[in-house]
Amino acid sequence: MINYNGKKFRPILNSENGETSNKTVFIYQQVGNIITSDYSGGQIKKGQLIGIIDEDGNIDIRYHQINNKNKLMTGICKSKPEILENGKIRLHENWQWTSGDQSEGQSIIEEV
């Protein structure tokens, strides 16, 4: 299992209907197979996520965040890890809003 504890991630790509950007920073905490993160930056005033990591490092996530318009947004996300040549982690994400228009999107975040 991949250890995400203490790692910081920043988006490098996101669908147009997403709210995160390269100004958003995720700080991951992990205990066993449970992962949490606080995040903020860009359009996000404050966000939190919680998820479960499988033996291959894939993460099943639920998230909620307050954007710069003071709107509470919620969603689900499936993240698949890729280990880069430099040893850093890149996460390929498929997500869907469970609030608002309930649209879907893809993003990529990388360890900084």
PDB file of N, CA and C in Angstrom:
ATOM      1  N   MET A   1       0.841  -1.189   0.000  1.00  0.00           N
ATOM      2  CA  MET A   1       0.000   0.000   0.000  1.00  0.00           C
ATOM      3  C   MET A   1       0.885   1.250   0.000  1.00  0.00           C
ATOM      4  N   ILE A   2       0.497   2.213  -0.792  1.00  0.00           N
ATOM      5  CA  ILE A   2       1.230   3.484  -0.852  1.00  0.00           C
ATOM      6  C   ILE A   2       0.984   4.269   0.426  1.00  0.00           C
ATOM      7  N   ASN A   3       2.027   4.914   0.942  1.00  0.00           N
ATOM      8  CA  ASN A   3       1.887   5.759   2.120  1.00  0.00           C
ATOM      9  C   ASN A   3       1.758   7.218   1.673  1.00  0.00           C
ATOM     10  N   TYR A   4       0.579   7.793   1.878  1.00  0.00           N
ATOM     11  CA  TYR A   4       0.299   9.170   1.495  1.00  0.00           C
ATOM     12  C   TYR A   4       0.512  10.153   2.656  1.00  0.00           C
ATOM     13  N   ASN A   5       0.798   9.644   3.837  1.00  0.00           N
ATOM     14  CA  ASN A   5       0.830  10.488   5.035  1.00  0.00           C
ATOM     15  C   ASN A   5       1.846  11.625   4.923  1.00  0.00           C
ATOM     16  N   GLY A   6       1.384  12.846   5.169  1.00  0.00           N
ATOM     17  CA  GLY A   6       2.245  14.021   5.160  1.00  0.00           C
ATOM     18  C   GLY A   6       2.577  14.564   3.783  1.00  0.00           C
ATOM     19  N   LYS A   7       2.075  13.942   2.746  1.00  0.00           N
ATOM     20  CA  LYS A   7       2.402  14.393   1.387  1.00  0.00           C
ATOM     21  C   LYS A   7       1.486  15.541   0.970  1.00  0.00           C
ATOM     22  N   LYS A   8       2.044  16.464   0.175  1.00  0.00           N
ATOM     23  CA  LYS A   8       1.295  17.598  -0.361  1.00  0.00           C
ATOM     24  C   LYS A   8       1.122  17.404  -1.853  1.00  0.00           C
ATOM     25  N   PHE A   9      -0.070  17.736  -2.344  1.00  0.00           N
ATOM     26  CA  PHE A   9      -0.397  17.600  -3.761  1.00  0.00           C
ATOM     27  C   PHE A   9      -0.963  18.914  -4.293  1.00  0.00           C
ATOM     28  N   ARG A  10      -0.736  19.121  -5.589  1.00  0.00           N
ATOM     29  CA  ARG A  10      -1.251  20.306  -6.274  1.00  0.00           C
ATOM     30  C   ARG A  10      -1.784  19.864  -7.632  1.00  0.00           C
ATOM     31  N   PRO A  11      -2.974  20.340  -8.028  1.00  0.00           N
ATOM     32  CA  PRO A  11      -3.507  19.975  -9.341  1.00  0.00           C
ATOM     33  C   PRO A  11      -2.636  20.505 -10.482  1.00  0.00           C
ATOM     34  N   ILE A  12      -2.479  19.671 -11.510  1.00  0.00           N
ATOM     35  CA  ILE A  12      -1.798  20.110 -12.729  1.00  0.00           C
ATOM     36  C   ILE A  12      -2.768  20.143 -13.907  1.00  0.00           C
ATOM     37  N   LEU A  13      -3.962  19.543 -13.721  1.00  0.00           N
ATOM     38  CA  LEU A  13      -4.972  19.507 -14.777  1.00  0.00           C
ATOM     39  C   LEU A  13      -6.325  19.289 -14.118  1.00  0.00           C
ATOM     40  N   ASN A  14      -7.358  19.985 -14.627  1.00  0.00           N
ATOM     41  CA  ASN A  14      -8.704  19.775 -14.109  1.00  0.00           C
ATOM     42  C   ASN A  14      -9.711  20.098 -15.206  1.00  0.00           C
ATOM     43  N   SER A  15     -10.838  19.416 -15.184  1.00  0.00           N
ATOM     44  CA  SER A  15     -11.923  19.714 -16.111  1.00  0.00           C
ATOM     45  C   SER A  15     -12.442  21.127 -15.852  1.00  0.00           C
ATOM     46  N   GLU A  16     -13.043  21.714 -16.870  1.00  0.00           N
ATOM     47  CA  GLU A  16     -13.527  23.094 -16.784  1.00  0.00           C
ATOM     48  C   GLU A  16     -14.576  23.278 -15.689  1.00  0.00           C
ATOM     49  N   ASN A  17     -15.351  22.230 -15.391  1.00  0.00           N
ATOM     50  CA  ASN A  17     -16.396  22.323 -14.373  1.00  0.00           C
ATOM     51  C   ASN A  17     -15.875  22.084 -12.955  1.00  0.00           C
ATOM     52  N   GLY A  18     -14.567  21.907 -12.791  1.00  0.00           N
ATOM     53  CA  GLY A  18     -13.967  21.723 -11.476  1.00  0.00           C
ATOM     54  C   GLY A  18     -13.611  23.053 -10.840  1.00  0.00           C
ATOM     55  N   GLU A  19     -13.321  23.026  -9.546  1.00  0.00           N
ATOM     56  CA  GLU A  19     -12.980  24.248  -8.828  1.00  0.00           C
ATOM     57  C   GLU A  19     -11.527  24.313  -8.380  1.00  0.00           C
ATOM     58  N   THR A  20     -10.806  23.204  -8.408  1.00  0.00           N
ATOM     59  CA  THR A  20      -9.410  23.241  -7.998  1.00  0.00           C
ATOM     60  C   THR A  20      -8.535  23.738  -9.145  1.00  0.00           C
ATOM     61  N   SER A  21      -7.368  24.267  -8.766  1.00  0.00           N
ATOM     62  CA  SER A  21      -6.402  24.772  -9.746  1.00  0.00           C
ATOM     63  C   SER A  21      -5.001  24.557  -9.195  1.00  0.00           C
ATOM     64  N   ASN A  22      -4.001  25.025  -9.931  1.00  0.00           N
ATOM     65  CA  ASN A  22      -2.622  24.869  -9.444  1.00  0.00           C
ATOM     66  C   ASN A  22      -2.345  25.733  -8.212  1.00  0.00           C
ATOM     67  N   LYS A  23      -3.313  26.521  -7.791  1.00  0.00           N
ATOM     68  CA  LYS A  23      -3.194  27.302  -6.550  1.00  0.00           C
ATOM     69  C   LYS A  23      -3.770  26.558  -5.347  1.00  0.00           C
ATOM     70  N   THR A  24      -4.406  25.416  -5.598  1.00  0.00           N
ATOM     71  CA  THR A  24      -4.997  24.601  -4.528  1.00  0.00           C
ATOM     72  C   THR A  24      -3.946  23.622  -4.012  1.00  0.00           C
ATOM     73  N   VAL A  25      -3.823  23.528  -2.696  1.00  0.00           N
ATOM     74  CA  VAL A  25      -2.865  22.603  -2.075  1.00  0.00           C
ATOM     75  C   VAL A  25      -3.620  21.638  -1.168  1.00  0.00           C
ATOM     76  N   PHE A  26      -3.384  20.347  -1.389  1.00  0.00           N
ATOM     77  CA  PHE A  26      -3.943  19.275  -0.573  1.00  0.00           C
ATOM     78  C   PHE A  26      -2.840  18.766   0.344  1.00  0.00           C
ATOM     79  N   ILE A  27      -3.130  18.619   1.622  1.00  0.00           N
ATOM     80  CA  ILE A  27      -2.188  18.038   2.578  1.00  0.00           C
ATOM     81  C   ILE A  27      -2.819  16.758   3.117  1.00  0.00           C
ATOM     82  N   TYR A  28      -2.232  15.615   2.747  1.00  0.00           N
ATOM     83  CA  TYR A  28      -2.801  14.313   3.083  1.00  0.00           C
ATOM     84  C   TYR A  28      -2.303  13.799   4.425  1.00  0.00           C
ATOM     85  N   GLN A  29      -3.210  13.156   5.148  1.00  0.00           N
ATOM     86  CA  GLN A  29      -2.902  12.442   6.388  1.00  0.00           C
ATOM     87  C   GLN A  29      -3.439  11.023   6.214  1.00  0.00           C
ATOM     88  N   GLN A  30      -2.692  10.044   6.701  1.00  0.00           N
ATOM     89  CA  GLN A  30      -3.099   8.652   6.550  1.00  0.00           C
ATOM     90  C   GLN A  30      -2.877   7.895   7.835  1.00  0.00           C
ATOM     91  N   VAL A  31      -3.885   7.120   8.238  1.00  0.00           N
ATOM     92  CA  VAL A  31      -3.771   6.188   9.357  1.00  0.00           C
ATOM     93  C   VAL A  31      -4.345   4.869   8.861  1.00  0.00           C
ATOM     94  N   GLY A  32      -3.487   3.867   8.736  1.00  0.00           N
ATOM     95  CA  GLY A  32      -3.919   2.596   8.172  1.00  0.00           C
ATOM     96  C   GLY A  32      -4.356   2.807   6.735  1.00  0.00           C
ATOM     97  N   ASN A  33      -5.583   2.381   6.416  1.00  0.00           N
ATOM     98  CA  ASN A  33      -6.076   2.556   5.045  1.00  0.00           C
ATOM     99  C   ASN A  33      -7.051   3.740   4.926  1.00  0.00           C
ATOM    100  N   ILE A  34      -7.074   4.597   5.939  1.00  0.00           N
ATOM    101  CA  ILE A  34      -7.955   5.774   5.924  1.00  0.00           C
ATOM    102  C   ILE A  34      -7.126   7.012   5.629  1.00  0.00           C
ATOM    103  N   ILE A  35      -7.607   7.811   4.677  1.00  0.00           N
ATOM    104  CA  ILE A  35      -6.907   9.028   4.286  1.00  0.00           C
ATOM    105  C   ILE A  35      -7.825  10.225   4.481  1.00  0.00           C
ATOM    106  N   THR A  36      -7.252  11.336   4.919  1.00  0.00           N
ATOM    107  CA  THR A  36      -7.977  12.593   5.043  1.00  0.00           C
ATOM    108  C   THR A  36      -7.099  13.696   4.479  1.00  0.00           C
ATOM    109  N   SER A  37      -7.727  14.809   4.154  1.00  0.00           N
ATOM    110  CA  SER A  37      -6.964  15.958   3.678  1.00  0.00           C
ATOM    111  C   SER A  37      -7.747  17.231   3.940  1.00  0.00           C
ATOM    112  N   ASP A  38      -7.025  18.260   4.329  1.00  0.00           N
ATOM    113  CA  ASP A  38      -7.526  19.626   4.309  1.00  0.00           C
ATOM    114  C   ASP A  38      -6.925  20.255   3.070  1.00  0.00           C
ATOM    115  N   TYR A  39      -7.684  21.111   2.400  1.00  0.00           N
ATOM    116  CA  TYR A  39      -7.156  21.776   1.220  1.00  0.00           C
ATOM    117  C   TYR A  39      -7.794  23.149   1.054  1.00  0.00           C
ATOM    118  N   SER A  40      -7.066  24.014   0.371  1.00  0.00           N
ATOM    119  CA  SER A  40      -7.543  25.365   0.096  1.00  0.00           C
ATOM    120  C   SER A  40      -6.664  25.967  -0.991  1.00  0.00           C
ATOM    121  N   GLY A  41      -7.100  27.120  -1.490  1.00  0.00           N
ATOM    122  CA  GLY A  41      -6.336  27.837  -2.500  1.00  0.00           C
ATOM    123  C   GLY A  41      -7.103  27.982  -3.788  1.00  0.00           C
ATOM    124  N   GLY A  42      -6.816  29.049  -4.518  1.00  0.00           N
ATOM    125  CA  GLY A  42      -7.541  29.317  -5.752  1.00  0.00           C
ATOM    126  C   GLY A  42      -8.986  29.635  -5.437  1.00  0.00           C
ATOM    127  N   GLN A  43      -9.912  28.923  -6.065  1.00  0.00           N
ATOM    128  CA  GLN A  43     -11.346  29.137  -5.856  1.00  0.00           C
ATOM    129  C   GLN A  43     -11.873  28.504  -4.569  1.00  0.00           C
ATOM    130  N   ILE A  44     -11.022  27.747  -3.859  1.00  0.00           N
ATOM    131  CA  ILE A  44     -11.459  27.011  -2.673  1.00  0.00           C
ATOM    132  C   ILE A  44     -11.043  27.755  -1.407  1.00  0.00           C
ATOM    133  N   LYS A  45     -12.033  28.184  -0.611  1.00  0.00           N
ATOM    134  CA  LYS A  45     -11.725  28.794   0.688  1.00  0.00           C
ATOM    135  C   LYS A  45     -11.287  27.724   1.689  1.00  0.00           C
ATOM    136  N   LYS A  46     -12.045  26.610   1.724  1.00  0.00           N
ATOM    137  CA  LYS A  46     -11.748  25.533   2.663  1.00  0.00           C
ATOM    138  C   LYS A  46     -12.367  24.255   2.134  1.00  0.00           C
ATOM    139  N   GLY A  47     -11.588  23.185   2.140  1.00  0.00           N
ATOM    140  CA  GLY A  47     -12.094  21.889   1.709  1.00  0.00           C
ATOM    141  C   GLY A  47     -11.550  20.783   2.576  1.00  0.00           C
ATOM    142  N   GLN A  48     -12.284  19.693   2.623  1.00  0.00           N
ATOM    143  CA  GLN A  48     -11.858  18.504   3.346  1.00  0.00           C
ATOM    144  C   GLN A  48     -12.287  17.276   2.560  1.00  0.00           C
ATOM    145  N   LEU A  49     -11.486  16.229   2.683  1.00  0.00           N
ATOM    146  CA  LEU A  49     -11.858  14.956   2.075  1.00  0.00           C
ATOM    147  C   LEU A  49     -11.544  13.827   3.036  1.00  0.00           C
ATOM    148  N   ILE A  50     -12.225  12.721   2.815  1.00  0.00           N
ATOM    149  CA  ILE A  50     -11.966  11.492   3.551  1.00  0.00           C
ATOM    150  C   ILE A  50     -12.085  10.347   2.558  1.00  0.00           C
ATOM    151  N   GLY A  51     -11.237   9.340   2.715  1.00  0.00           N
ATOM    152  CA  GLY A  51     -11.271   8.236   1.773  1.00  0.00           C
ATOM    153  C   GLY A  51     -10.670   6.966   2.329  1.00  0.00           C
ATOM    154  N   ILE A  52     -10.837   5.916   1.540  1.00  0.00           N
ATOM    155  CA  ILE A  52     -10.292   4.596   1.867  1.00  0.00           C
ATOM    156  C   ILE A  52      -9.327   4.203   0.755  1.00  0.00           C
ATOM    157  N   ILE A  53      -8.147   3.735   1.149  1.00  0.00           N
ATOM    158  CA  ILE A  53      -7.097   3.321   0.220  1.00  0.00           C
ATOM    159  C   ILE A  53      -7.115   1.799   0.100  1.00  0.00           C
ATOM    160  N   ASP A  54      -7.067   1.293  -1.142  1.00  0.00           N
ATOM    161  CA  ASP A  54      -6.969  -0.155  -1.307  1.00  0.00           C
ATOM    162  C   ASP A  54      -5.502  -0.586  -1.373  1.00  0.00           C
ATOM    163  N   GLU A  55      -5.265  -1.877  -1.512  1.00  0.00           N
ATOM    164  CA  GLU A  55      -3.895  -2.413  -1.476  1.00  0.00           C
ATOM    165  C   GLU A  55      -3.031  -1.932  -2.638  1.00  0.00           C
ATOM    166  N   ASP A  56      -3.659  -1.448  -3.723  1.00  0.00           N
ATOM    167  CA  ASP A  56      -2.901  -0.928  -4.866  1.00  0.00           C
ATOM    168  C   ASP A  56      -2.693   0.583  -4.806  1.00  0.00           C
ATOM    169  N   GLY A  57      -3.183   1.214  -3.739  1.00  0.00           N
ATOM    170  CA  GLY A  57      -3.019   2.656  -3.586  1.00  0.00           C
ATOM    171  C   GLY A  57      -4.145   3.479  -4.178  1.00  0.00           C
ATOM    172  N   ASN A  58      -5.162   2.822  -4.759  1.00  0.00           N
ATOM    173  CA  ASN A  58      -6.325   3.545  -5.267  1.00  0.00           C
ATOM    174  C   ASN A  58      -7.117   4.106  -4.095  1.00  0.00           C
ATOM    175  N   ILE A  59      -7.731   5.274  -4.285  1.00  0.00           N
ATOM    176  CA  ILE A  59      -8.447   5.928  -3.199  1.00  0.00           C
ATOM    177  C   ILE A  59      -9.895   6.184  -3.614  1.00  0.00           C
ATOM    178  N   ASP A  60     -10.817   5.803  -2.742  1.00  0.00           N
ATOM    179  CA  ASP A  60     -12.248   6.093  -2.891  1.00  0.00           C
ATOM    180  C   ASP A  60     -12.549   7.244  -1.939  1.00  0.00           C
ATOM    181  N   ILE A  61     -12.927   8.418  -2.489  1.00  0.00           N
ATOM    182  CA  ILE A  61     -12.979   9.673  -1.730  1.00  0.00           C
ATOM    183  C   ILE A  61     -14.379  10.273  -1.725  1.00  0.00           C
ATOM    184  N   ARG A  62     -14.715  10.924  -0.603  1.00  0.00           N
ATOM    185  CA  ARG A  62     -15.855  11.828  -0.503  1.00  0.00           C
ATOM    186  C   ARG A  62     -15.273  13.178  -0.078  1.00  0.00           C
ATOM    187  N   TYR A  63     -15.755  14.262  -0.691  1.00  0.00           N
ATOM    188  CA  TYR A  63     -15.211  15.581  -0.366  1.00  0.00           C
ATOM    189  C   TYR A  63     -16.300  16.627  -0.237  1.00  0.00           C
ATOM    190  N   HIS A  64     -15.989  17.673   0.526  1.00  0.00           N
ATOM    191  CA  HIS A  64     -16.851  18.848   0.614  1.00  0.00           C
ATOM    192  C   HIS A  64     -15.954  20.076   0.705  1.00  0.00           C
ATOM    193  N   GLN A  65     -16.445  21.175   0.152  1.00  0.00           N
ATOM    194  CA  GLN A  65     -15.630  22.391   0.111  1.00  0.00           C
ATOM    195  C   GLN A  65     -16.531  23.617   0.021  1.00  0.00           C
ATOM    196  N   ILE A  66     -15.995  24.744   0.474  1.00  0.00           N
ATOM    197  CA  ILE A  66     -16.664  26.030   0.337  1.00  0.00           C
ATOM    198  C   ILE A  66     -15.835  26.852  -0.638  1.00  0.00           C
ATOM    199  N   ASN A  67     -16.485  27.307  -1.705  1.00  0.00           N
ATOM    200  CA  ASN A  67     -15.762  28.062  -2.727  1.00  0.00           C
ATOM    201  C   ASN A  67     -15.791  29.571  -2.433  1.00  0.00           C
ATOM    202  N   ASN A  68     -15.146  30.349  -3.285  1.00  0.00           N
ATOM    203  CA  ASN A  68     -15.062  31.795  -3.083  1.00  0.00           C
ATOM    204  C   ASN A  68     -16.401  32.513  -3.218  1.00  0.00           C
ATOM    205  N   LYS A  69     -17.418  31.799  -3.707  1.00  0.00           N
ATOM    206  CA  LYS A  69     -18.778  32.358  -3.778  1.00  0.00           C
ATOM    207  C   LYS A  69     -19.580  31.988  -2.532  1.00  0.00           C
ATOM    208  N   ASN A  70     -18.895  31.418  -1.520  1.00  0.00           N
ATOM    209  CA  ASN A  70     -19.514  30.952  -0.272  1.00  0.00           C
ATOM    210  C   ASN A  70     -20.566  29.877  -0.512  1.00  0.00           C
ATOM    211  N   LYS A  71     -20.336  29.057  -1.525  1.00  0.00           N
ATOM    212  CA  LYS A  71     -21.234  27.955  -1.835  1.00  0.00           C
ATOM    213  C   LYS A  71     -20.601  26.652  -1.378  1.00  0.00           C
ATOM    214  N   LEU A  72     -21.380  25.845  -0.673  1.00  0.00           N
ATOM    215  CA  LEU A  72     -20.927  24.536  -0.216  1.00  0.00           C
ATOM    216  C   LEU A  72     -21.123  23.535  -1.341  1.00  0.00           C
ATOM    217  N   MET A  73     -20.034  22.875  -1.731  1.00  0.00           N
ATOM    218  CA  MET A  73     -20.060  21.889  -2.806  1.00  0.00           C
ATOM    219  C   MET A  73     -19.599  20.538  -2.261  1.00  0.00           C
ATOM    220  N   THR A  74     -20.188  19.452  -2.766  1.00  0.00           N
ATOM    221  CA  THR A  74     -19.832  18.105  -2.320  1.00  0.00           C
ATOM    222  C   THR A  74     -19.617  17.202  -3.530  1.00  0.00           C
ATOM    223  N   GLY A  75     -18.846  16.130  -3.318  1.00  0.00           N
ATOM    224  CA  GLY A  75     -18.616  15.221  -4.425  1.00  0.00           C
ATOM    225  C   GLY A  75     -17.966  13.919  -4.019  1.00  0.00           C
ATOM    226  N   ILE A  76     -17.818  13.060  -5.024  1.00  0.00           N
ATOM    227  CA  ILE A  76     -17.136  11.775  -4.883  1.00  0.00           C
ATOM    228  C   ILE A  76     -16.005  11.727  -5.897  1.00  0.00           C
ATOM    229  N   CYS A  77     -14.971  10.950  -5.578  1.00  0.00           N
ATOM    230  CA  CYS A  77     -13.798  10.889  -6.444  1.00  0.00           C
ATOM    231  C   CYS A  77     -13.140   9.523  -6.327  1.00  0.00           C
ATOM    232  N   LYS A  78     -12.651   9.017  -7.444  1.00  0.00           N
ATOM    233  CA  LYS A  78     -11.826   7.802  -7.481  1.00  0.00           C
ATOM    234  C   LYS A  78     -10.456   8.221  -7.994  1.00  0.00           C
ATOM    235  N   SER A  79      -9.420   7.970  -7.203  1.00  0.00           N
ATOM    236  CA  SER A  79      -8.058   8.354  -7.567  1.00  0.00           C
ATOM    237  C   SER A  79      -7.200   7.116  -7.793  1.00  0.00           C
ATOM    238  N   LYS A  80      -6.451   7.131  -8.895  1.00  0.00           N
ATOM    239  CA  LYS A  80      -5.557   6.016  -9.233  1.00  0.00           C
ATOM    240  C   LYS A  80      -4.130   6.555  -9.264  1.00  0.00           C
ATOM    241  N   PRO A  81      -3.211   5.954  -8.498  1.00  0.00           N
ATOM    242  CA  PRO A  81      -1.848   6.478  -8.421  1.00  0.00           C
ATOM    243  C   PRO A  81      -0.955   6.044  -9.582  1.00  0.00           C
ATOM    244  N   GLU A  82      -0.024   6.898  -9.894  1.00  0.00           N
ATOM    245  CA  GLU A  82       1.079   6.611 -10.816  1.00  0.00           C
ATOM    246  C   GLU A  82       2.340   7.076 -10.109  1.00  0.00           C
ATOM    247  N   ILE A  83       3.350   6.223 -10.039  1.00  0.00           N
ATOM    248  CA  ILE A  83       4.626   6.605  -9.443  1.00  0.00           C
ATOM    249  C   ILE A  83       5.529   7.115 -10.564  1.00  0.00           C
ATOM    250  N   LEU A  84       5.948   8.371 -10.448  1.00  0.00           N
ATOM    251  CA  LEU A  84       6.782   8.987 -11.473  1.00  0.00           C
ATOM    252  C   LEU A  84       8.239   8.533 -11.341  1.00  0.00           C
ATOM    253  N   GLU A  85       9.032   8.790 -12.362  1.00  0.00           N
ATOM    254  CA  GLU A  85      10.452   8.386 -12.342  1.00  0.00           C
ATOM    255  C   GLU A  85      11.201   8.983 -11.156  1.00  0.00           C
ATOM    256  N   ASN A  86      10.804  10.174 -10.719  1.00  0.00           N
ATOM    257  CA  ASN A  86      11.478  10.823  -9.590  1.00  0.00           C
ATOM    258  C   ASN A  86      10.969  10.333  -8.237  1.00  0.00           C
ATOM    259  N   GLY A  87      10.050   9.338  -8.252  1.00  0.00           N
ATOM    260  CA  GLY A  87       9.516   8.768  -7.016  1.00  0.00           C
ATOM    261  C   GLY A  87       8.282   9.478  -6.484  1.00  0.00           C
ATOM    262  N   LYS A  88       7.938  10.617  -7.075  1.00  0.00           N
ATOM    263  CA  LYS A  88       6.749  11.359  -6.646  1.00  0.00           C
ATOM    264  C   LYS A  88       5.488  10.639  -7.142  1.00  0.00           C
ATOM    265  N   ILE A  89       4.365  10.960  -6.495  1.00  0.00           N
ATOM    266  CA  ILE A  89       3.085  10.337  -6.834  1.00  0.00           C
ATOM    267  C   ILE A  89       2.253  11.301  -7.671  1.00  0.00           C
ATOM    268  N   ARG A  90       1.662  10.766  -8.725  1.00  0.00           N
ATOM    269  CA  ARG A  90       0.678  11.494  -9.535  1.00  0.00           C
ATOM    270  C   ARG A  90      -0.636  10.735  -9.391  1.00  0.00           C
ATOM    271  N   LEU A  91      -1.721  11.445  -9.084  1.00  0.00           N
ATOM    272  CA  LEU A  91      -3.030  10.822  -8.948  1.00  0.00           C
ATOM    273  C   LEU A  91      -3.926  11.217 -10.116  1.00  0.00           C
ATOM    274  N   HIS A  92      -4.465  10.203 -10.806  1.00  0.00           N
ATOM    275  CA  HIS A  92      -5.411  10.396 -11.898  1.00  0.00           C
ATOM    276  C   HIS A  92      -6.804  10.237 -11.303  1.00  0.00           C
ATOM    277  N   GLU A  93      -7.620  11.292 -11.409  1.00  0.00           N
ATOM    278  CA  GLU A  93      -8.875  11.319 -10.685  1.00  0.00           C
ATOM    279  C   GLU A  93     -10.083  11.439 -11.613  1.00  0.00           C
ATOM    280  N   ASN A  94     -11.099  10.652 -11.311  1.00  0.00           N
ATOM    281  CA  ASN A  94     -12.419  10.765 -11.937  1.00  0.00           C
ATOM    282  C   ASN A  94     -13.379  11.138 -10.812  1.00  0.00           C
ATOM    283  N   TRP A  95     -14.069  12.263 -10.982  1.00  0.00           N
ATOM    284  CA  TRP A  95     -14.903  12.767  -9.907  1.00  0.00           C
ATOM    285  C   TRP A  95     -16.279  13.169 -10.431  1.00  0.00           C
ATOM    286  N   GLN A  96     -17.192  13.340  -9.462  1.00  0.00           N
ATOM    287  CA  GLN A  96     -18.543  13.807  -9.786  1.00  0.00           C
ATOM    288  C   GLN A  96     -19.057  14.648  -8.635  1.00  0.00           C
ATOM    289  N   TRP A  97     -19.652  15.775  -9.000  1.00  0.00           N
ATOM    290  CA  TRP A  97     -20.326  16.592  -7.992  1.00  0.00           C
ATOM    291  C   TRP A  97     -21.564  15.848  -7.509  1.00  0.00           C
ATOM    292  N   THR A  98     -21.814  15.860  -6.192  1.00  0.00           N
ATOM    293  CA  THR A  98     -23.066  15.334  -5.640  1.00  0.00           C
ATOM    294  C   THR A  98     -23.957  16.497  -5.218  1.00  0.00           C
ATOM    295  N   SER A  99     -23.534  17.698  -5.538  1.00  0.00           N
ATOM    296  CA  SER A  99     -24.325  18.915  -5.342  1.00  0.00           C
ATOM    297  C   SER A  99     -24.288  19.684  -6.659  1.00  0.00           C
ATOM    298  N   GLY A 100     -25.010  20.777  -6.724  1.00  0.00           N
ATOM    299  CA  GLY A 100     -25.002  21.580  -7.948  1.00  0.00           C
ATOM    300  C   GLY A 100     -25.530  20.793  -9.123  1.00  0.00           C
ATOM    301  N   ASP A 101     -24.831  20.863 -10.245  1.00  0.00           N
ATOM    302  CA  ASP A 101     -25.310  20.214 -11.482  1.00  0.00           C
ATOM    303  C   ASP A 101     -24.993  18.721 -11.566  1.00  0.00           C
ATOM    304  N   GLN A 102     -24.283  18.194 -10.590  1.00  0.00           N
ATOM    305  CA  GLN A 102     -23.919  16.777 -10.506  1.00  0.00           C
ATOM    306  C   GLN A 102     -23.133  16.296 -11.732  1.00  0.00           C
ATOM    307  N   SER A 103     -22.404  17.221 -12.349  1.00  0.00           N
ATOM    308  CA  SER A 103     -21.591  16.868 -13.511  1.00  0.00           C
ATOM    309  C   SER A 103     -20.346  16.092 -13.083  1.00  0.00           C
ATOM    310  N   GLU A 104     -19.697  15.475 -14.068  1.00  0.00           N
ATOM    311  CA  GLU A 104     -18.491  14.685 -13.840  1.00  0.00           C
ATOM    312  C   GLU A 104     -17.290  15.387 -14.437  1.00  0.00           C
ATOM    313  N   GLY A 105     -16.092  14.973 -13.984  1.00  0.00           N
ATOM    314  CA  GLY A 105     -14.875  15.539 -14.529  1.00  0.00           C
ATOM    315  C   GLY A 105     -13.672  14.678 -14.217  1.00  0.00           C
ATOM    316  N   GLN A 106     -12.532  15.099 -14.733  1.00  0.00           N
ATOM    317  CA  GLN A 106     -11.261  14.419 -14.486  1.00  0.00           C
ATOM    318  C   GLN A 106     -10.241  15.463 -14.059  1.00  0.00           C
ATOM    319  N   SER A 107      -9.334  15.025 -13.202  1.00  0.00           N
ATOM    320  CA  SER A 107      -8.237  15.888 -12.797  1.00  0.00           C
ATOM    321  C   SER A 107      -6.992  15.043 -12.559  1.00  0.00           C
ATOM    322  N   ILE A 108      -5.872  15.718 -12.541  1.00  0.00           N
ATOM    323  CA  ILE A 108      -4.589  15.092 -12.199  1.00  0.00           C
ATOM    324  C   ILE A 108      -3.942  15.974 -11.149  1.00  0.00           C
ATOM    325  N   ILE A 109      -3.546  15.360 -10.042  1.00  0.00           N
ATOM    326  CA  ILE A 109      -2.801  16.091  -9.016  1.00  0.00           C
ATOM    327  C   ILE A 109      -1.448  15.408  -8.830  1.00  0.00           C
ATOM    328  N   GLU A 110      -0.426  16.217  -8.527  1.00  0.00           N
ATOM    329  CA  GLU A 110       0.923  15.675  -8.334  1.00  0.00           C
ATOM    330  C   GLU A 110       1.493  16.091  -6.998  1.00  0.00           C
ATOM    331  N   GLU A 111       2.278  15.192  -6.444  1.00  0.00           N
ATOM    332  CA  GLU A 111       2.998  15.464  -5.197  1.00  0.00           C
ATOM    333  C   GLU A 111       4.000  16.592  -5.451  1.00  0.00           C
ATOM    334  N   VAL A 112       4.048  17.527  -4.511  1.00  0.00           N
ATOM    335  CA  VAL A 112       5.000  18.649  -4.614  1.00  0.00           C
ATOM    336  C   VAL A 112       6.117  18.489  -3.620  1.00  0.00           C
TER     337      VAL A 112
END
